[in-house]
Structures are given as structure tokens and as C-alpha cells.
C-alpha atoms as a PDB file:
ATOM      1  CA  UNK A   1       0.000   0.000   0.000  1.00  0.00           C
ATOM      2  CA  UNK A   2       1.214   3.473  -0.789  1.00  0.00           C
ATOM      3  CA  UNK A   3       1.657   6.247   1.727  1.00  0.00           C
ATOM      4  CA  UNK A   4      -0.520   8.659  -0.218  1.00  0.00           C
ATOM      5  CA  UNK A   5      -3.986  10.114   0.108  1.00  0.00           C
ATOM      6  CA  UNK A   6      -6.124  12.894  -1.312  1.00  0.00           C
ATOM      7  CA  UNK A   7      -5.334  16.501  -0.454  1.00  0.00           C
ATOM      8  CA  UNK A   8      -7.895  19.300  -0.413  1.00  0.00           C
ATOM      9  CA  UNK A   9      -7.840  23.047   0.090  1.00  0.00           C
ATOM     10  CA  UNK A  10     -10.415  25.797   0.362  1.00  0.00           C
ATOM     11  CA  UNK A  11      -9.175  29.372   0.341  1.00  0.00           C
ATOM     12  CA  UNK A  12     -11.851  31.667   1.698  1.00  0.00           C
ATOM     13  CA  UNK A  13     -10.111  35.024   1.366  1.00  0.00           C
ATOM     14  CA  UNK A  14      -6.774  36.661   0.620  1.00  0.00           C
ATOM     15  CA  UNK A  15      -5.577  40.189   0.039  1.00  0.00           C
ATOM     16  CA  UNK A  16      -5.115  41.223  -3.578  1.00  0.00           C
ATOM     17  CA  UNK A  17      -1.349  41.166  -3.047  1.00  0.00           C
ATOM     18  CA  UNK A  18      -1.426  37.487  -1.960  1.00  0.00           C
ATOM     19  CA  UNK A  19      -3.781  36.001  -4.549  1.00  0.00           C
ATOM     20  CA  UNK A  20      -1.115  35.217  -7.154  1.00  0.00           C
ATOM     21  CA  UNK A  21       0.934  33.399  -4.508  1.00  0.00           C
ATOM     22  CA  UNK A  22      -2.080  31.347  -3.428  1.00  0.00           C
ATOM     23  CA  UNK A  23      -2.789  30.363  -7.020  1.00  0.00           C
ATOM     24  CA  UNK A  24       0.864  29.435  -7.588  1.00  0.00           C
ATOM     25  CA  UNK A  25       0.869  27.228  -4.474  1.00  0.00           C
ATOM     26  CA  UNK A  26      -2.312  25.467  -5.593  1.00  0.00           C
ATOM     27  CA  UNK A  27      -0.834  24.874  -9.057  1.00  0.00           C
ATOM     28  CA  UNK A  28       2.533  23.733  -7.628  1.00  0.00           C
ATOM     29  CA  UNK A  29       0.651  21.051  -5.666  1.00  0.00           C
ATOM     30  CA  UNK A  30      -1.157  19.894  -8.846  1.00  0.00           C
ATOM     31  CA  UNK A  31      -4.495  20.833  -7.304  1.00  0.00           C
ATOM     32  CA  UNK A  32      -7.550  21.825  -9.281  1.00  0.00           C
ATOM     33  CA  UNK A  33     -11.322  21.640  -9.105  1.00  0.00           C
ATOM     34  CA  UNK A  34     -11.309  18.395 -11.101  1.00  0.00           C
ATOM     35  CA  UNK A  35      -8.919  16.627  -8.707  1.00  0.00           C
ATOM     36  CA  UNK A  36      -5.827  16.594 -10.877  1.00  0.00           C
ATOM     37  CA  UNK A  37      -7.606  15.691 -14.099  1.00  0.00           C
ATOM     38  CA  UNK A  38      -8.012  19.203 -15.481  1.00  0.00           C
ATOM     39  CA  UNK A  39      -5.519  21.804 -16.529  1.00  0.00           C
ATOM     40  CA  UNK A  40      -3.999  23.980 -13.835  1.00  0.00           C
ATOM     41  CA  UNK A  41      -6.395  26.705 -12.680  1.00  0.00           C
ATOM     42  CA  UNK A  42      -5.866  30.152 -14.165  1.00  0.00           C
ATOM     43  CA  UNK A  43      -8.084  31.938 -11.664  1.00  0.00           C
ATOM     44  CA  UNK A  44      -8.460  31.645  -7.919  1.00  0.00           C
ATOM     45  CA  UNK A  45     -11.988  30.968  -6.694  1.00  0.00           C
ATOM     46  CA  UNK A  46     -12.693  31.652  -3.051  1.00  0.00           C
ATOM     47  CA  UNK A  47     -14.793  29.003  -1.353  1.00  0.00           C
ATOM     48  CA  UNK A  48     -13.958  26.357  -3.963  1.00  0.00           C
ATOM     49  CA  UNK A  49     -12.515  22.965  -3.087  1.00  0.00           C
ATOM     50  CA  UNK A  50      -9.234  22.346  -4.888  1.00  0.00           C
ATOM     51  CA  UNK A  51      -7.967  18.794  -4.698  1.00  0.00           C
ATOM     52  CA  UNK A  52      -5.421  16.261  -5.849  1.00  0.00           C
ATOM     53  CA  UNK A  53      -5.382  12.500  -5.485  1.00  0.00           C
ATOM     54  CA  UNK A  54      -2.434  10.402  -4.308  1.00  0.00           C
ATOM     55  CA  UNK A  55      -0.399  13.083  -2.590  1.00  0.00           C
ATOM     56  CA  UNK A  56       2.380  11.952  -0.211  1.00  0.00           C
ATOM     57  CA  UNK A  57       1.292  11.854   3.410  1.00  0.00           C
ATOM     58  CA  UNK A  58       2.301  15.043   5.196  1.00  0.00           C
ATOM     59  CA  UNK A  59       1.755  17.247   2.141  1.00  0.00           C
ATOM     60  CA  UNK A  60      -0.978  19.022   4.090  1.00  0.00           C
ATOM     61  CA  UNK A  61       1.641  20.390   6.499  1.00  0.00           C
ATOM     62  CA  UNK A  62       3.755  21.720   3.631  1.00  0.00           C
ATOM     63  CA  UNK A  63       0.720  23.256   1.932  1.00  0.00           C
ATOM     64  CA  UNK A  64      -0.439  25.045   5.091  1.00  0.00           C
ATOM     65  CA  UNK A  65       3.067  26.271   5.838  1.00  0.00           C
ATOM     66  CA  UNK A  66       3.533  27.663   2.328  1.00  0.00           C
ATOM     67  CA  UNK A  67       0.177  29.431   2.409  1.00  0.00           C
ATOM     68  CA  UNK A  68       1.025  31.054   5.738  1.00  0.00           C
ATOM     69  CA  UNK A  69       4.499  32.122   4.565  1.00  0.00           C
ATOM     70  CA  UNK A  70       3.794  33.155   0.980  1.00  0.00           C
ATOM     71  CA  UNK A  71       0.233  34.480   1.410  1.00  0.00           C
ATOM     72  CA  UNK A  72       0.014  35.717   5.004  1.00  0.00           C
ATOM     73  CA  UNK A  73      -3.443  37.234   4.516  1.00  0.00           C
ATOM     74  CA  UNK A  74      -4.983  33.955   3.317  1.00  0.00           C
ATOM     75  CA  UNK A  75      -7.891  32.477   5.238  1.00  0.00           C
ATOM     76  CA  UNK A  76      -7.931  28.772   4.465  1.00  0.00           C
ATOM     77  CA  UNK A  77      -8.784  25.199   5.337  1.00  0.00           C
ATOM     78  CA  UNK A  78      -6.615  22.338   4.092  1.00  0.00           C
ATOM     79  CA  UNK A  79      -6.864  18.644   4.835  1.00  0.00           C
ATOM     80  CA  UNK A  80      -5.449  15.318   3.825  1.00  0.00           C
ATOM     81  CA  UNK A  81      -7.701  12.270   3.818  1.00  0.00           C
ATOM     82  CA  UNK A  82      -7.355   9.398   6.262  1.00  0.00           C
ATOM     83  CA  UNK A  83      -4.873   6.705   5.267  1.00  0.00           C
ATOM     84  CA  UNK A  84      -5.424   3.049   6.113  1.00  0.00           C
ATOM     85  CA  UNK A  85      -6.188   3.088   9.854  1.00  0.00           C
ATOM     86  CA  UNK A  86      -4.914   6.634  10.546  1.00  0.00           C
ATOM     87  CA  UNK A  87      -7.137   9.711  10.678  1.00  0.00           C
ATOM     88  CA  UNK A  88      -6.725  12.488   8.186  1.00  0.00           C
ATOM     89  CA  UNK A  89      -5.282  15.858   9.146  1.00  0.00           C
ATOM     90  CA  UNK A  90      -7.126  19.183   9.052  1.00  0.00           C
ATOM     91  CA  UNK A  91      -5.490  22.611   9.307  1.00  0.00           C
ATOM     92  CA  UNK A  92      -7.452  25.858   9.350  1.00  0.00           C
ATOM     93  CA  UNK A  93      -5.880  29.289   9.501  1.00  0.00           C
ATOM     94  CA  UNK A  94      -7.345  32.743  10.028  1.00  0.00           C
ATOM     95  CA  UNK A  95      -4.762  35.540  10.217  1.00  0.00           C
ATOM     96  CA  UNK A  96      -4.947  37.415  13.488  1.00  0.00           C
ATOM     97  CA  UNK A  97      -6.957  34.597  15.092  1.00  0.00           C
ATOM     98  CA  UNK A  98      -4.713  31.571  14.784  1.00  0.00           C
ATOM     99  CA  UNK A  99      -4.288  28.097  13.384  1.00  0.00           C
ATOM    100  CA  UNK A 100      -6.271  25.028  14.349  1.00  0.00           C
ATOM    101  CA  UNK A 101      -4.958  21.519  13.695  1.00  0.00           C
ATOM    102  CA  UNK A 102      -7.065  18.406  14.250  1.00  0.00           C
ATOM    103  CA  UNK A 103      -7.660  14.891  13.031  1.00  0.00           C
ATOM    104  CA  UNK A 104     -10.372  14.716  10.371  1.00  0.00           C
ATOM    105  CA  UNK A 105     -12.448  12.531   8.116  1.00  0.00           C
ATOM    106  CA  UNK A 106     -12.280  12.425   4.303  1.00  0.00           C
ATOM    107  CA  UNK A 107     -14.630  15.420   4.045  1.00  0.00           C
ATOM    108  CA  UNK A 108     -12.324  17.584   6.154  1.00  0.00           C
ATOM    109  CA  UNK A 109     -14.608  17.485   9.182  1.00  0.00           C
ATOM    110  CA  UNK A 110     -12.313  17.932  12.185  1.00  0.00           C
ATOM    111  CA  UNK A 111     -12.794  15.711  15.194  1.00  0.00           C
ATOM    112  CA  UNK A 112     -11.220  15.361  18.597  1.00  0.00           C
ATOM    113  CA  UNK A 113     -10.005  12.085  20.047  1.00  0.00           C
ATOM    114  CA  UNK A 114     -12.030  11.361  23.180  1.00  0.00           C
ATOM    115  CA  UNK A 115      -8.882  10.300  25.030  1.00  0.00           C
ATOM    116  CA  UNK A 116      -7.203  13.621  24.214  1.00  0.00           C
ATOM    117  CA  UNK A 117     -10.285  15.542  25.305  1.00  0.00           C
ATOM    118  CA  UNK A 118     -10.549  13.539  28.529  1.00  0.00           C
ATOM    119  CA  UNK A 119      -6.881  14.168  29.301  1.00  0.00           C
ATOM    120  CA  UNK A 120      -7.230  17.903  28.790  1.00  0.00           C
ATOM    121  CA  UNK A 121     -10.401  18.049  30.878  1.00  0.00           C
ATOM    122  CA  UNK A 122      -8.694  16.047  33.620  1.00  0.00           C
ATOM    123  CA  UNK A 123      -5.919  18.652  33.696  1.00  0.00           C
ATOM    124  CA  UNK A 124      -8.442  21.466  34.086  1.00  0.00           C
ATOM    125  CA  UNK A 125      -7.767  23.416  37.304  1.00  0.00           C
ATOM    126  CA  UNK A 126     -10.280  22.770  40.069  1.00  0.00           C
ATOM    127  CA  UNK A 127     -12.917  25.445  40.266  1.00  0.00           C
ATOM    128  CA  UNK A 128     -12.619  26.468  36.605  1.00  0.00           C
ATOM    129  CA  UNK A 129     -16.022  26.842  34.978  1.00  0.00           C
ATOM    130  CA  UNK A 130     -16.895  25.352  31.609  1.00  0.00           C
ATOM    131  CA  UNK A 131     -17.000  28.896  30.160  1.00  0.00           C
ATOM    132  CA  UNK A 132     -13.502  29.611  31.495  1.00  0.00           C
ATOM    133  CA  UNK A 133     -12.249  26.326  30.028  1.00  0.00           C
ATOM    134  CA  UNK A 134     -13.883  27.046  26.676  1.00  0.00           C
ATOM    135  CA  UNK A 135     -12.148  30.432  26.630  1.00  0.00           C
ATOM    136  CA  UNK A 136      -8.743  28.927  27.427  1.00  0.00           C
ATOM    137  CA  UNK A 137      -7.579  25.366  26.797  1.00  0.00           C
ATOM    138  CA  UNK A 138     -10.625  24.404  24.733  1.00  0.00           C
ATOM    139  CA  UNK A 139      -9.649  26.928  22.096  1.00  0.00           C
ATOM    140  CA  UNK A 140      -6.677  24.753  21.173  1.00  0.00           C
ATOM    141  CA  UNK A 141      -8.422  21.386  21.658  1.00  0.00           C
ATOM    142  CA  UNK A 142     -11.685  22.279  19.961  1.00  0.00           C
ATOM    143  CA  UNK A 143     -10.509  25.121  17.718  1.00  0.00           C
ATOM    144  CA  UNK A 144     -13.324  27.336  18.935  1.00  0.00           C
ATOM    145  CA  UNK A 145     -11.781  30.691  17.986  1.00  0.00           C
ATOM    146  CA  UNK A 146     -10.546  29.660  14.541  1.00  0.00           C
ATOM    147  CA  UNK A 147     -13.693  27.726  13.624  1.00  0.00           C
ATOM    148  CA  UNK A 148     -15.885  30.629  14.764  1.00  0.00           C
ATOM    149  CA  UNK A 149     -13.828  33.027  12.636  1.00  0.00           C
ATOM    150  CA  UNK A 150     -14.212  30.699   9.625  1.00  0.00           C
ATOM    151  CA  UNK A 151     -17.990  30.393   9.925  1.00  0.00           C
ATOM    152  CA  UNK A 152     -18.884  33.667   8.112  1.00  0.00           C
ATOM    153  CA  UNK A 153     -16.646  32.679   5.185  1.00  0.00           C
ATOM    154  CA  UNK A 154     -18.160  29.197   5.011  1.00  0.00           C
ATOM    155  CA  UNK A 155     -21.685  30.570   5.200  1.00  0.00           C
ATOM    156  CA  UNK A 156     -21.127  33.026   2.330  1.00  0.00           C
ATOM    157  CA  UNK A 157     -18.971  30.879   0.037  1.00  0.00           C
ATOM    158  CA  UNK A 158     -19.668  31.931  -3.528  1.00  0.00           C
ATOM    159  CA  UNK A 159     -17.050  29.990  -5.468  1.00  0.00           C
ATOM    160  CA  UNK A 160     -16.635  32.880  -7.868  1.00  0.00           C
ATOM    161  CA  UNK A 161     -13.258  33.588  -9.489  1.00  0.00           C
ATOM    162  CA  UNK A 162     -11.205  36.480  -8.210  1.00  0.00           C
ATOM    163  CA  UNK A 163      -8.292  38.110  -9.934  1.00  0.00           C
ATOM    164  CA  UNK A 164      -4.981  36.620  -8.944  1.00  0.00           C
END
């Protein structure tokens, strides 16, 4: 069995000055809206799923890192599908809010391992309320701040091309 799985990316927003870089990164990773069967995209479409089959495991980390470095204004979600018995990996980034990394399913739906959640809750200081926990440690475990910041982009996704 190969150590490869599908890779997906949705870019929700980017400053005009970063759009060409985002498009170049998508093309460099052989991603397109037809999952590697079409020609390289010539326009960037916000809210569109770009994908590629059979990408080496770990490519999601490289993709997220490049987007953050080369297009610092980009708001994005990237994920790599599960492989054999291992979960997939989801990375979401909203500049000024942060980055959330979690295991995920093939649709990019992040999920938290119950054992990890239990461990973090067990480490919660005595007397801390659920609200206090949600505003502190939960933000990293559950991605509350990043996922909340993504919601308006996800709700208004238009998938219309923007100039790169």
C-alpha cells in the first residue's frame, strides 16, 4: 500500500497582493477543481474545493506552511484524507486569530479524540467553569476561535473567481 492520500484546500479570502501566490501554491501542488484531471487553474476561486489524489502523506503540512508564509493574509482550510487506519489531518488558519490543527475525516470534518479531550479536561484546574475552560484550553483542543472566525466565510462561500 502506498503512503498517499487525497489533499484538499479551500481558500476563503486573501488580500489582492497574496492572490497570485495562493494560485501558484495550488498549481505547484497539482491541485484543481477536477482533482488533478483538469488543466492547472488560471483563476483563484474563493470558497472552492481544490484537490489532488495520491499526494504523499504530510503534504498538508507543507501546503499550510507555504500558504502562511507566501500568502500571510490567506484564510484557508486544508486537509489530507485518512490513510489506512490513521485519521486524516485538518489545518485551518485565520490571520490574526490563529491556526487550528485536528484529526479529520475524508470530508475535512475535524474531530477530537475522546482520550485527548478527557486528558485535557482532567488537567483542568479545580474550580474552573466550563465557560472559562472554553475560553482557554478548549480553544486549542476544539478550535473554537478559529472555527468561529471561519464560519462567516463558510456561510457566504460563492465559489466565484477572483483576480490573482
